[in-house]
C-alpha cells in the first residue's frame, strides 16, 4: 500500500509518497498563502491522478494539518510522533533533532528502547509562541548570506 504524508505548516505544505519497496516520491514545497485547505486539496488531486485505482493511506501533520484533518473528519498525527517515526525509518543513528518552523521550534531527544530496538522520544523541548517569526528571521538571514532558499 502506498502511504502519503502531508506536513501542512503555517507557511508551507510538504508532501511525500512512500512506496512498499521503500522508495519515496517528494512533491515540490508549496506556500500555503493562508489557504491550507486549498493547498492540501491540490496535492490530494495530484496524488489521485497518480493512484486513481489504488488505495492510499494518508497521514496529516503540522499546524495546518489539524485543520485539514478536521475538515476531512480524520485525525492528525502530532508532529513529534511523525518526526520520531521518520527518524526511526530513515535516520536510526540520530539521537537529537532540531526542527525549525515558521511558527515554532522543537528539540527532540531520542534513546533506543532495549526491548523493541526502536528509537523512542526521551525528551522534548518546544519553543514558546514568543519565538514566532523564527521562519521569517531564517529567510532574512539566508538572503543576507546569499543562500538561495531555506526550504531544502
C-alpha atoms as a PDB file:
ATOM      1  CA  UNK A   1       0.000   0.000   0.000  1.00  0.00           C
ATOM      2  CA  UNK A   2       1.231   3.479  -0.841  1.00  0.00           C
ATOM      3  CA  UNK A   3       1.465   5.943   2.048  1.00  0.00           C
ATOM      4  CA  UNK A   4       1.055   9.682   1.508  1.00  0.00           C
ATOM      5  CA  UNK A   5       2.288  12.095   4.149  1.00  0.00           C
ATOM      6  CA  UNK A   6       1.466  15.794   4.203  1.00  0.00           C
ATOM      7  CA  UNK A   7       3.047  18.277   6.591  1.00  0.00           C
ATOM      8  CA  UNK A   8       0.890  21.373   6.475  1.00  0.00           C
ATOM      9  CA  UNK A   9       2.564  24.192   8.331  1.00  0.00           C
ATOM     10  CA  UNK A  10       1.720  27.824   8.800  1.00  0.00           C
ATOM     11  CA  UNK A  11       3.642  28.815   5.665  1.00  0.00           C
ATOM     12  CA  UNK A  12       4.313  25.726   3.538  1.00  0.00           C
ATOM     13  CA  UNK A  13       2.880  22.345   2.598  1.00  0.00           C
ATOM     14  CA  UNK A  14       5.252  19.445   2.107  1.00  0.00           C
ATOM     15  CA  UNK A  15       4.192  16.052   0.739  1.00  0.00           C
ATOM     16  CA  UNK A  16       5.847  12.702   0.146  1.00  0.00           C
ATOM     17  CA  UNK A  17       4.719   9.315  -1.109  1.00  0.00           C
ATOM     18  CA  UNK A  18       6.229   6.191   0.482  1.00  0.00           C
ATOM     19  CA  UNK A  19       6.053   3.073  -1.678  1.00  0.00           C
ATOM     20  CA  UNK A  20       6.046  -0.525  -0.415  1.00  0.00           C
ATOM     21  CA  UNK A  21       9.584  -1.048  -1.768  1.00  0.00           C
ATOM     22  CA  UNK A  22      10.852   1.804   0.453  1.00  0.00           C
ATOM     23  CA  UNK A  23      11.272   4.348  -2.320  1.00  0.00           C
ATOM     24  CA  UNK A  24       9.989   7.887  -1.935  1.00  0.00           C
ATOM     25  CA  UNK A  25       8.481  10.496  -4.215  1.00  0.00           C
ATOM     26  CA  UNK A  26       8.685  14.062  -2.942  1.00  0.00           C
ATOM     27  CA  UNK A  27       6.450  16.831  -4.175  1.00  0.00           C
ATOM     28  CA  UNK A  28       7.672  20.422  -4.513  1.00  0.00           C
ATOM     29  CA  UNK A  29       7.253  22.517  -1.372  1.00  0.00           C
ATOM     30  CA  UNK A  30       4.291  24.844  -1.746  1.00  0.00           C
ATOM     31  CA  UNK A  31       3.439  28.059   0.005  1.00  0.00           C
ATOM     32  CA  UNK A  32       0.161  27.979   1.906  1.00  0.00           C
ATOM     33  CA  UNK A  33      -0.762  31.615   1.190  1.00  0.00           C
ATOM     34  CA  UNK A  34      -3.338  31.452   4.025  1.00  0.00           C
ATOM     35  CA  UNK A  35      -5.197  28.651   2.213  1.00  0.00           C
ATOM     36  CA  UNK A  36      -4.182  25.321   3.805  1.00  0.00           C
ATOM     37  CA  UNK A  37      -7.352  23.511   2.698  1.00  0.00           C
ATOM     38  CA  UNK A  38      -6.947  24.593  -0.931  1.00  0.00           C
ATOM     39  CA  UNK A  39      -3.265  23.681  -0.991  1.00  0.00           C
ATOM     40  CA  UNK A  40      -3.939  20.270   0.561  1.00  0.00           C
ATOM     41  CA  UNK A  41      -6.738  19.692  -1.978  1.00  0.00           C
ATOM     42  CA  UNK A  42      -4.321  20.432  -4.836  1.00  0.00           C
ATOM     43  CA  UNK A  43      -1.937  17.795  -3.503  1.00  0.00           C
ATOM     44  CA  UNK A  44      -4.742  15.270  -2.971  1.00  0.00           C
ATOM     45  CA  UNK A  45      -5.776  15.752  -6.605  1.00  0.00           C
ATOM     46  CA  UNK A  46      -2.205  15.174  -7.810  1.00  0.00           C
ATOM     47  CA  UNK A  47      -1.918  12.026  -5.708  1.00  0.00           C
ATOM     48  CA  UNK A  48      -5.273  10.754  -7.005  1.00  0.00           C
ATOM     49  CA  UNK A  49      -4.122  11.297 -10.594  1.00  0.00           C
ATOM     50  CA  UNK A  50      -1.128   9.048  -9.910  1.00  0.00           C
ATOM     51  CA  UNK A  51      -3.042   6.402  -7.907  1.00  0.00           C
ATOM     52  CA  UNK A  52      -6.620   6.546  -9.151  1.00  0.00           C
ATOM     53  CA  UNK A  53      -7.036   2.777  -8.837  1.00  0.00           C
ATOM     54  CA  UNK A  54      -5.004   2.137  -5.664  1.00  0.00           C
ATOM     55  CA  UNK A  55      -5.685   2.583  -2.008  1.00  0.00           C
ATOM     56  CA  UNK A  56      -3.510   5.258  -0.408  1.00  0.00           C
ATOM     57  CA  UNK A  57      -3.004   5.592   3.336  1.00  0.00           C
ATOM     58  CA  UNK A  58      -2.957   9.291   4.253  1.00  0.00           C
ATOM     59  CA  UNK A  59      -1.149  10.905   7.177  1.00  0.00           C
ATOM     60  CA  UNK A  60      -1.521  14.589   8.040  1.00  0.00           C
ATOM     61  CA  UNK A  61       0.630  16.571  10.435  1.00  0.00           C
ATOM     62  CA  UNK A  62       1.640  20.163  11.114  1.00  0.00           C
ATOM     63  CA  UNK A  63      -0.136  23.184  12.497  1.00  0.00           C
ATOM     64  CA  UNK A  64      -2.381  23.365   9.419  1.00  0.00           C
ATOM     65  CA  UNK A  65      -2.700  19.586   9.255  1.00  0.00           C
ATOM     66  CA  UNK A  66      -5.030  19.633  12.250  1.00  0.00           C
ATOM     67  CA  UNK A  67      -7.499  21.902  10.417  1.00  0.00           C
ATOM     68  CA  UNK A  68      -7.327  19.840   7.222  1.00  0.00           C
ATOM     69  CA  UNK A  69      -7.774  16.579   9.155  1.00  0.00           C
ATOM     70  CA  UNK A  70     -10.753  18.062  10.974  1.00  0.00           C
ATOM     71  CA  UNK A  71     -12.327  19.134   7.671  1.00  0.00           C
ATOM     72  CA  UNK A  72     -11.892  15.569   6.373  1.00  0.00           C
ATOM     73  CA  UNK A  73     -13.217  14.020   9.575  1.00  0.00           C
ATOM     74  CA  UNK A  74      -9.965  12.187  10.346  1.00  0.00           C
ATOM     75  CA  UNK A  75      -7.275  12.522  12.980  1.00  0.00           C
ATOM     76  CA  UNK A  76      -3.949  14.280  12.519  1.00  0.00           C
ATOM     77  CA  UNK A  77      -0.592  12.909  13.641  1.00  0.00           C
ATOM     78  CA  UNK A  78       1.215  15.015  16.263  1.00  0.00           C
ATOM     79  CA  UNK A  79       4.416  16.468  14.820  1.00  0.00           C
ATOM     80  CA  UNK A  80       6.747  14.867  17.414  1.00  0.00           C
ATOM     81  CA  UNK A  81       5.184  11.461  16.666  1.00  0.00           C
ATOM     82  CA  UNK A  82       5.639  11.977  12.904  1.00  0.00           C
ATOM     83  CA  UNK A  83       9.235  13.140  13.368  1.00  0.00           C
ATOM     84  CA  UNK A  84      10.044  10.163  15.612  1.00  0.00           C
ATOM     85  CA  UNK A  85       8.635   7.742  13.014  1.00  0.00           C
ATOM     86  CA  UNK A  86      10.680   9.406  10.251  1.00  0.00           C
ATOM     87  CA  UNK A  87      13.894   9.305  12.277  1.00  0.00           C
ATOM     88  CA  UNK A  88      13.298   5.617  13.085  1.00  0.00           C
ATOM     89  CA  UNK A  89      12.821   4.783   9.428  1.00  0.00           C
ATOM     90  CA  UNK A  90      15.390   6.970   7.700  1.00  0.00           C
ATOM     91  CA  UNK A  91      17.986   8.083  10.269  1.00  0.00           C
ATOM     92  CA  UNK A  92      18.061   5.495  13.082  1.00  0.00           C
ATOM     93  CA  UNK A  93      21.515   6.651  14.227  1.00  0.00           C
ATOM     94  CA  UNK A  94      20.197  10.128  15.152  1.00  0.00           C
ATOM     95  CA  UNK A  95      19.800  10.938  18.846  1.00  0.00           C
ATOM     96  CA  UNK A  96      18.804  14.623  18.642  1.00  0.00           C
ATOM     97  CA  UNK A  97      16.685  16.547  16.157  1.00  0.00           C
ATOM     98  CA  UNK A  98      16.064  20.276  15.902  1.00  0.00           C
ATOM     99  CA  UNK A  99      13.103  21.312  13.796  1.00  0.00           C
ATOM    100  CA  UNK A 100      12.790  24.992  12.916  1.00  0.00           C
ATOM    101  CA  UNK A 101       9.401  26.059  11.661  1.00  0.00           C
ATOM    102  CA  UNK A 102       7.985  29.462  10.914  1.00  0.00           C
ATOM    103  CA  UNK A 103       5.689  29.255  13.940  1.00  0.00           C
ATOM    104  CA  UNK A 104       7.626  27.202  16.474  1.00  0.00           C
ATOM    105  CA  UNK A 105      10.791  25.266  17.086  1.00  0.00           C
ATOM    106  CA  UNK A 106      11.333  21.805  18.561  1.00  0.00           C
ATOM    107  CA  UNK A 107      14.225  19.926  20.108  1.00  0.00           C
ATOM    108  CA  UNK A 108      13.615  16.179  20.255  1.00  0.00           C
ATOM    109  CA  UNK A 109      15.943  13.744  22.026  1.00  0.00           C
ATOM    110  CA  UNK A 110      15.798  10.013  21.339  1.00  0.00           C
ATOM    111  CA  UNK A 111      17.022   6.862  23.007  1.00  0.00           C
ATOM    112  CA  UNK A 112      16.810   3.251  21.921  1.00  0.00           C
ATOM    113  CA  UNK A 113      14.181   1.034  23.536  1.00  0.00           C
ATOM    114  CA  UNK A 114      16.045  -2.096  24.666  1.00  0.00           C
ATOM    115  CA  UNK A 115      13.053  -4.401  24.070  1.00  0.00           C
ATOM    116  CA  UNK A 116      11.992  -3.256  20.597  1.00  0.00           C
ATOM    117  CA  UNK A 117      15.252  -1.763  19.315  1.00  0.00           C
ATOM    118  CA  UNK A 118      13.300   1.274  18.081  1.00  0.00           C
ATOM    119  CA  UNK A 119      14.040   4.872  18.921  1.00  0.00           C
ATOM    120  CA  UNK A 120      11.668   6.454  21.399  1.00  0.00           C
ATOM    121  CA  UNK A 121      11.262  10.079  22.295  1.00  0.00           C
ATOM    122  CA  UNK A 122      13.072  10.586  25.592  1.00  0.00           C
ATOM    123  CA  UNK A 123      12.716  14.360  25.914  1.00  0.00           C
ATOM    124  CA  UNK A 124      11.217  17.247  24.005  1.00  0.00           C
ATOM    125  CA  UNK A 125      11.543  20.999  24.277  1.00  0.00           C
ATOM    126  CA  UNK A 126       9.099  23.128  22.325  1.00  0.00           C
ATOM    127  CA  UNK A 127       9.873  26.757  21.622  1.00  0.00           C
ATOM    128  CA  UNK A 128       7.186  29.023  23.007  1.00  0.00           C
ATOM    129  CA  UNK A 129       4.990  31.328  20.967  1.00  0.00           C
ATOM    130  CA  UNK A 130       7.154  34.350  21.682  1.00  0.00           C
ATOM    131  CA  UNK A 131       9.619  32.640  19.339  1.00  0.00           C
ATOM    132  CA  UNK A 132       7.129  33.018  16.482  1.00  0.00           C
ATOM    133  CA  UNK A 133       8.670  34.687  13.485  1.00  0.00           C
ATOM    134  CA  UNK A 134      11.664  32.355  13.542  1.00  0.00           C
ATOM    135  CA  UNK A 135      10.988  31.368   9.943  1.00  0.00           C
ATOM    136  CA  UNK A 136      10.979  34.976   8.786  1.00  0.00           C
ATOM    137  CA  UNK A 137      14.257  35.510  10.633  1.00  0.00           C
ATOM    138  CA  UNK A 138      15.812  32.471   8.924  1.00  0.00           C
ATOM    139  CA  UNK A 139      14.667  33.697   5.500  1.00  0.00           C
ATOM    140  CA  UNK A 140      16.100  37.151   6.188  1.00  0.00           C
ATOM    141  CA  UNK A 141      19.452  35.701   7.295  1.00  0.00           C
ATOM    142  CA  UNK A 142      19.563  33.360   4.294  1.00  0.00           C
ATOM    143  CA  UNK A 143      19.090  36.347   1.977  1.00  0.00           C
ATOM    144  CA  UNK A 144      21.803  38.329   3.770  1.00  0.00           C
ATOM    145  CA  UNK A 145      24.190  35.374   3.457  1.00  0.00           C
ATOM    146  CA  UNK A 146      23.299  34.918  -0.249  1.00  0.00           C
ATOM    147  CA  UNK A 147      21.685  31.490   0.198  1.00  0.00           C
ATOM    148  CA  UNK A 148      19.043  30.774  -2.428  1.00  0.00           C
ATOM    149  CA  UNK A 149      16.489  29.236  -0.078  1.00  0.00           C
ATOM    150  CA  UNK A 150      15.978  27.806   3.402  1.00  0.00           C
ATOM    151  CA  UNK A 151      13.497  25.229   2.073  1.00  0.00           C
ATOM    152  CA  UNK A 152      15.909  22.470   1.118  1.00  0.00           C
END
